[in-house]
Amino acid sequence: MKKQLRLVAVVMVVAGLVFITGCGKAKTNKSDELAQAKAAMAKAKKLFDETKSVRLELITDSIPKSGTGVLGADGVLTHQPAFDGKVKIQLGGLTANIPVVSVDNLVYAQIPPFPKPAVIDPMEYGAPDPASFIDPDTGISSLLNELTGLKKIGEKRQGKLVLTMYSGSVPGSKVKAIIPSADESTTYPTEIGIDKDGFIVTIKVTGQFFADMGDVTYDMNLSDYGKPITVKAPSGLS
C-alpha cells in the first residue's frame, strides 16, 4: 500500500513539473513573439527613415457627403524633405486631384481653375503638408512606434510579394498628422505589411474620419524605395 502511495506521489510531482514547464514555455513564446514583432517594426521604421525616396499611394474608397478632407495622395517622398505628386481632396462635396509639390518648406499646388501652380497653405484645404509624411517623428513611420496590442497575424500575398502582417492600434493624435480628419480622442485599428527585406509595404488604418459616416479605411501602399530622386520647385508660378 505504501509503495502504491509513493508511486502516486511521484506521478503527481512529475505531472506538476510537466504542467509548470509547459506554462513557462507558453509565456516565453508569447513574450518572444511580441519581441519579434517590435523588432520588425523597429527595423521597418529604420529602413523607411533612412531611404532616399519612396513612392506613396494613399487611398480610401469612402467619400463623405460634405466637408473638407484628404481622400488620397499619389507621389514620391524624399528626405529633403519633399513630395511630388497629386493629392486628392474634397471641397464642399466636390473632389479634385490636385498636382502638388512640397519642397523647402513651401507647398505649391495647381488648383482649378488656375492654370499655373501657386504657393498655398494646405491646412486651408484640410490637408497636411505632404512632405511631412516622411518625417521620422510625425510621419508615416512614426505610426510603427505607437502600436499598442501589437501582434503578428499571419502572411498575405500582394502581387509578387508575400507580406508578414501585424496588427495593433494607433492613437488618433498620431493618425491626425497624416489624415487631419482623424479623431484625436480615439484609437485606430491598424495593420502593417512588411516584406521579406523588412520594408513597410502596406499600412491600413480604420476608424471614424468623417462625422456623417461610420468606419472608414485608408490604405497606404509604399514602393520603389531608395531611388535617387531630387524634388524641385515648379517653374512658371502664378
Protein backbone atom coordinates (compact mmCIF):
# COMPACT_ATOMS: atom_id res chain seq x y z
CA MET A 1 0.00 0.00 0.00
CA LYS A 2 2.81 2.39 0.95
CA LYS A 3 4.59 1.54 -2.29
CA GLN A 4 1.45 2.41 -4.25
CA LEU A 5 1.10 5.75 -2.43
CA ARG A 6 4.72 6.61 -3.16
CA LEU A 7 4.17 5.76 -6.84
CA VAL A 8 1.09 8.02 -6.98
CA ALA A 9 3.02 10.84 -5.31
CA VAL A 10 5.87 10.54 -7.81
CA VAL A 11 3.43 10.58 -10.74
CA MET A 12 1.72 13.70 -9.36
CA VAL A 13 5.03 15.51 -8.88
CA VAL A 14 6.16 14.66 -12.42
CA ALA A 15 2.81 15.76 -13.84
CA GLY A 16 3.07 19.03 -11.90
CA LEU A 17 6.56 19.68 -13.24
CA VAL A 18 5.41 19.00 -16.81
CA PHE A 19 2.47 21.40 -16.34
CA ILE A 20 4.68 24.15 -14.90
CA THR A 21 7.26 23.66 -17.64
CA GLY A 22 4.52 23.83 -20.28
CA CYS A 23 3.15 27.07 -18.83
CA GLY A 24 6.62 28.56 -18.72
CA LYS A 25 7.14 27.74 -22.39
CA ALA A 26 3.81 29.30 -23.35
CA LYS A 27 4.68 32.51 -21.54
CA THR A 28 8.15 32.59 -23.04
CA ASN A 29 6.80 32.01 -26.55
CA LYS A 30 4.26 34.82 -26.18
CA SER A 31 6.95 37.15 -24.93
CA ASP A 32 9.25 36.13 -27.78
CA GLU A 33 6.51 36.80 -30.34
CA LEU A 34 5.98 40.33 -29.02
CA ALA A 35 9.73 40.98 -29.00
CA GLN A 36 10.00 39.75 -32.60
CA ALA A 37 7.06 41.93 -33.67
CA LYS A 38 8.62 45.00 -32.02
CA ALA A 39 11.96 44.22 -33.67
CA ALA A 40 10.23 44.00 -37.07
CA MET A 41 8.59 47.41 -36.50
CA ALA A 42 11.91 48.95 -35.40
CA LYS A 43 13.70 47.61 -38.49
CA ALA A 44 10.91 48.76 -40.84
CA LYS A 45 10.96 52.25 -39.32
CA LYS A 46 14.74 52.47 -39.63
CA LEU A 47 14.66 51.41 -43.29
CA PHE A 48 11.91 53.93 -44.05
CA ASP A 49 13.69 56.75 -42.21
CA GLU A 50 16.98 56.08 -44.00
CA THR A 51 15.71 55.59 -47.55
CA LYS A 52 16.47 58.26 -50.15
CA SER A 53 12.92 58.15 -51.51
CA VAL A 54 9.72 56.12 -51.50
CA ARG A 55 6.54 56.14 -53.57
CA LEU A 56 3.34 56.62 -51.58
CA GLU A 57 -0.20 55.77 -52.61
CA LEU A 58 -2.79 56.79 -50.01
CA ILE A 59 -6.34 55.79 -50.91
CA THR A 60 -9.83 55.35 -49.48
CA ASP A 61 -13.00 54.15 -51.18
CA SER A 62 -15.15 56.25 -48.86
CA ILE A 63 -16.26 59.76 -49.82
CA PRO A 64 -18.06 61.95 -47.27
CA LYS A 65 -21.26 63.74 -48.31
CA SER A 66 -19.88 67.13 -47.32
CA GLY A 67 -16.98 68.92 -45.67
CA THR A 68 -13.29 69.22 -46.44
CA GLY A 69 -10.71 66.49 -46.15
CA VAL A 70 -7.94 64.40 -47.65
CA LEU A 71 -9.13 61.42 -49.71
CA GLY A 72 -5.78 60.32 -51.07
CA ALA A 73 -2.30 61.04 -52.33
CA ASP A 74 -0.06 59.57 -55.00
CA GLY A 75 3.52 60.67 -55.39
CA VAL A 76 7.16 60.44 -54.40
CA LEU A 77 8.51 61.32 -50.96
CA THR A 78 12.15 62.20 -50.38
CA HIS A 79 14.14 63.06 -47.27
CA GLN A 80 14.89 66.60 -48.42
CA PRO A 81 12.03 66.54 -47.15
CA ALA A 82 9.85 66.83 -50.25
CA PHE A 83 6.82 65.47 -52.10
CA ASP A 84 5.98 65.50 -55.80
CA GLY A 85 2.66 64.11 -56.96
CA LYS A 86 -1.07 64.59 -56.57
CA VAL A 87 -3.31 64.98 -53.52
CA LYS A 88 -6.99 64.12 -53.70
CA ILE A 89 -9.13 66.44 -51.59
CA GLN A 90 -12.80 67.11 -51.02
CA LEU A 91 -14.05 70.67 -51.02
CA GLY A 92 -17.71 71.22 -50.17
CA GLY A 93 -18.93 67.99 -51.73
CA LEU A 94 -16.63 68.17 -54.76
CA THR A 95 -13.48 66.08 -55.18
CA ALA A 96 -10.34 67.02 -57.08
CA ASN A 97 -6.89 65.56 -57.73
CA ILE A 98 -4.52 68.48 -57.21
CA PRO A 99 -0.94 68.45 -58.56
CA VAL A 100 1.24 69.27 -55.53
CA VAL A 101 4.95 69.86 -55.00
CA SER A 102 6.25 70.42 -51.48
CA VAL A 103 9.90 71.38 -51.05
CA ASP A 104 11.96 73.83 -48.97
CA ASN A 105 9.03 74.30 -46.55
CA LEU A 106 6.74 75.60 -49.30
CA VAL A 107 3.73 73.82 -50.81
CA TYR A 108 2.90 74.51 -54.46
CA ALA A 109 -0.46 73.42 -55.85
CA GLN A 110 -2.24 73.82 -59.16
CA ILE A 111 -5.81 74.38 -58.04
CA PRO A 112 -8.58 74.66 -60.67
CA PRO A 113 -9.46 76.85 -62.44
CA PHE A 114 -5.97 78.39 -62.22
CA PRO A 115 -3.64 77.11 -64.97
CA LYS A 116 -0.38 77.50 -63.01
CA PRO A 117 0.84 76.32 -59.60
CA ALA A 118 0.91 78.73 -56.68
CA VAL A 119 2.12 78.63 -53.08
CA ILE A 120 -0.70 77.59 -50.73
CA ASP A 121 -1.37 76.81 -47.08
CA PRO A 122 -2.52 73.16 -47.28
CA MET A 123 -4.42 73.34 -43.99
CA GLU A 124 -6.87 75.74 -45.65
CA TYR A 125 -7.89 72.73 -47.73
CA GLY A 126 -7.98 70.29 -44.84
CA ALA A 127 -4.69 68.71 -45.92
CA PRO A 128 -1.28 68.41 -44.25
CA ASP A 129 1.99 69.32 -45.93
CA PRO A 130 2.62 66.03 -47.78
CA ALA A 131 6.39 66.38 -47.32
CA SER A 132 5.76 65.82 -43.59
CA PHE A 133 4.76 62.21 -44.34
CA ILE A 134 8.48 61.37 -44.41
CA ASP A 135 9.19 62.97 -41.01
CA PRO A 136 10.53 60.31 -38.58
CA ASP A 137 8.71 61.83 -35.60
CA THR A 138 5.30 62.70 -37.04
CA GLY A 139 5.10 60.97 -40.43
CA ILE A 140 4.20 57.51 -41.67
CA SER A 141 6.99 55.61 -39.92
CA SER A 142 6.08 57.17 -36.55
CA LEU A 143 2.89 55.08 -36.55
CA LEU A 144 5.02 51.98 -36.01
CA ASN A 145 6.28 53.35 -32.68
CA GLU A 146 2.74 53.89 -31.41
CA LEU A 147 1.16 50.47 -31.96
CA THR A 148 -0.49 49.05 -28.86
CA GLY A 149 -1.66 45.44 -28.76
CA LEU A 150 0.97 44.66 -31.40
CA LYS A 151 0.94 41.11 -32.75
CA LYS A 152 1.79 39.10 -35.83
CA ILE A 153 -1.38 37.94 -37.59
CA GLY A 154 -0.04 35.87 -40.49
CA GLU A 155 1.02 36.30 -44.09
CA LYS A 156 -0.64 37.86 -47.11
CA ARG A 157 0.22 37.88 -50.80
CA GLN A 158 0.32 41.23 -52.60
CA GLY A 159 1.24 40.82 -56.22
CA LYS A 160 4.59 39.02 -56.29
CA LEU A 161 5.28 39.81 -52.64
CA VAL A 162 4.47 37.74 -49.58
CA LEU A 163 4.00 40.11 -46.66
CA THR A 164 4.19 39.38 -42.96
CA MET A 165 1.17 41.08 -41.39
CA TYR A 166 0.99 42.74 -37.97
CA SER A 167 -1.89 44.43 -36.19
CA GLY A 168 -2.35 46.91 -33.37
CA SER A 169 -3.97 50.26 -32.57
CA VAL A 170 -2.60 53.78 -33.11
CA PRO A 171 -3.69 56.94 -31.21
CA GLY A 172 -5.82 59.33 -33.23
CA SER A 173 -3.37 62.14 -32.44
CA LYS A 174 -0.68 60.35 -34.49
CA VAL A 175 -3.04 59.47 -37.34
CA LYS A 176 -4.24 63.10 -37.47
CA ALA A 177 -0.78 64.27 -38.57
CA ILE A 178 -1.29 62.29 -41.79
CA ILE A 179 -5.09 62.39 -42.14
CA PRO A 180 -6.31 65.62 -40.47
CA SER A 181 -9.92 64.44 -40.18
CA ALA A 182 -8.87 61.75 -37.67
CA ASP A 183 -10.33 61.99 -34.16
CA GLU A 184 -7.64 62.66 -31.53
CA SER A 185 -9.78 61.20 -28.75
CA THR A 186 -9.90 57.67 -30.15
CA THR A 187 -7.58 54.93 -31.40
CA TYR A 188 -7.46 53.41 -34.87
CA PRO A 189 -7.06 49.68 -35.58
CA THR A 190 -4.07 49.38 -37.90
CA GLU A 191 -2.49 46.63 -39.98
CA ILE A 192 1.11 46.73 -41.22
CA GLY A 193 2.51 44.60 -44.06
CA ILE A 194 6.28 44.01 -44.09
CA ASP A 195 8.19 42.38 -46.96
CA LYS A 196 10.96 39.78 -46.64
CA ASP A 197 13.63 42.51 -46.54
CA GLY A 198 11.90 44.34 -43.69
CA PHE A 199 10.39 47.26 -45.63
CA ILE A 200 6.89 48.62 -44.95
CA VAL A 201 4.73 47.83 -47.99
CA THR A 202 1.20 48.37 -46.70
CA ILE A 203 -0.48 50.22 -43.84
CA LYS A 204 -4.24 50.01 -43.32
CA VAL A 205 -5.91 52.37 -40.82
CA THR A 206 -9.61 52.01 -39.99
CA GLY A 207 -11.94 54.15 -37.89
CA GLN A 208 -14.06 57.28 -37.70
CA PHE A 209 -12.78 60.01 -40.01
CA PHE A 210 -15.96 61.80 -41.07
CA ALA A 211 -18.94 62.81 -38.93
CA ASP A 212 -21.57 61.63 -41.41
CA MET A 213 -20.07 58.17 -41.89
CA GLY A 214 -19.20 55.02 -39.96
CA ASP A 215 -15.80 53.40 -40.04
CA VAL A 216 -13.61 54.38 -42.99
CA THR A 217 -10.45 52.61 -44.15
CA TYR A 218 -7.37 54.35 -45.52
CA ASP A 219 -4.75 52.22 -47.29
CA MET A 220 -1.14 53.32 -47.68
CA ASN A 221 0.92 51.45 -50.27
CA LEU A 222 4.68 52.06 -50.24
CA SER A 223 7.03 51.04 -53.05
CA ASP A 224 10.12 51.99 -55.10
CA TYR A 225 12.34 52.54 -52.09
CA GLY A 226 15.75 54.16 -52.45
CA LYS A 227 15.66 55.81 -55.87
CA PRO A 228 17.98 58.87 -56.20
CA ILE A 229 15.24 61.47 -56.73
CA THR A 230 15.53 65.21 -56.10
CA VAL A 231 12.34 67.28 -56.00
CA LYS A 232 12.49 70.87 -57.29
CA ALA A 233 10.03 73.74 -57.05
CA PRO A 234 7.80 74.01 -60.13
CA SER A 235 8.56 76.64 -62.76
CA GLY A 236 6.06 79.12 -64.23
CA LEU A 237 4.40 80.06 -60.95
CA SER A 238 1.31 82.23 -60.98
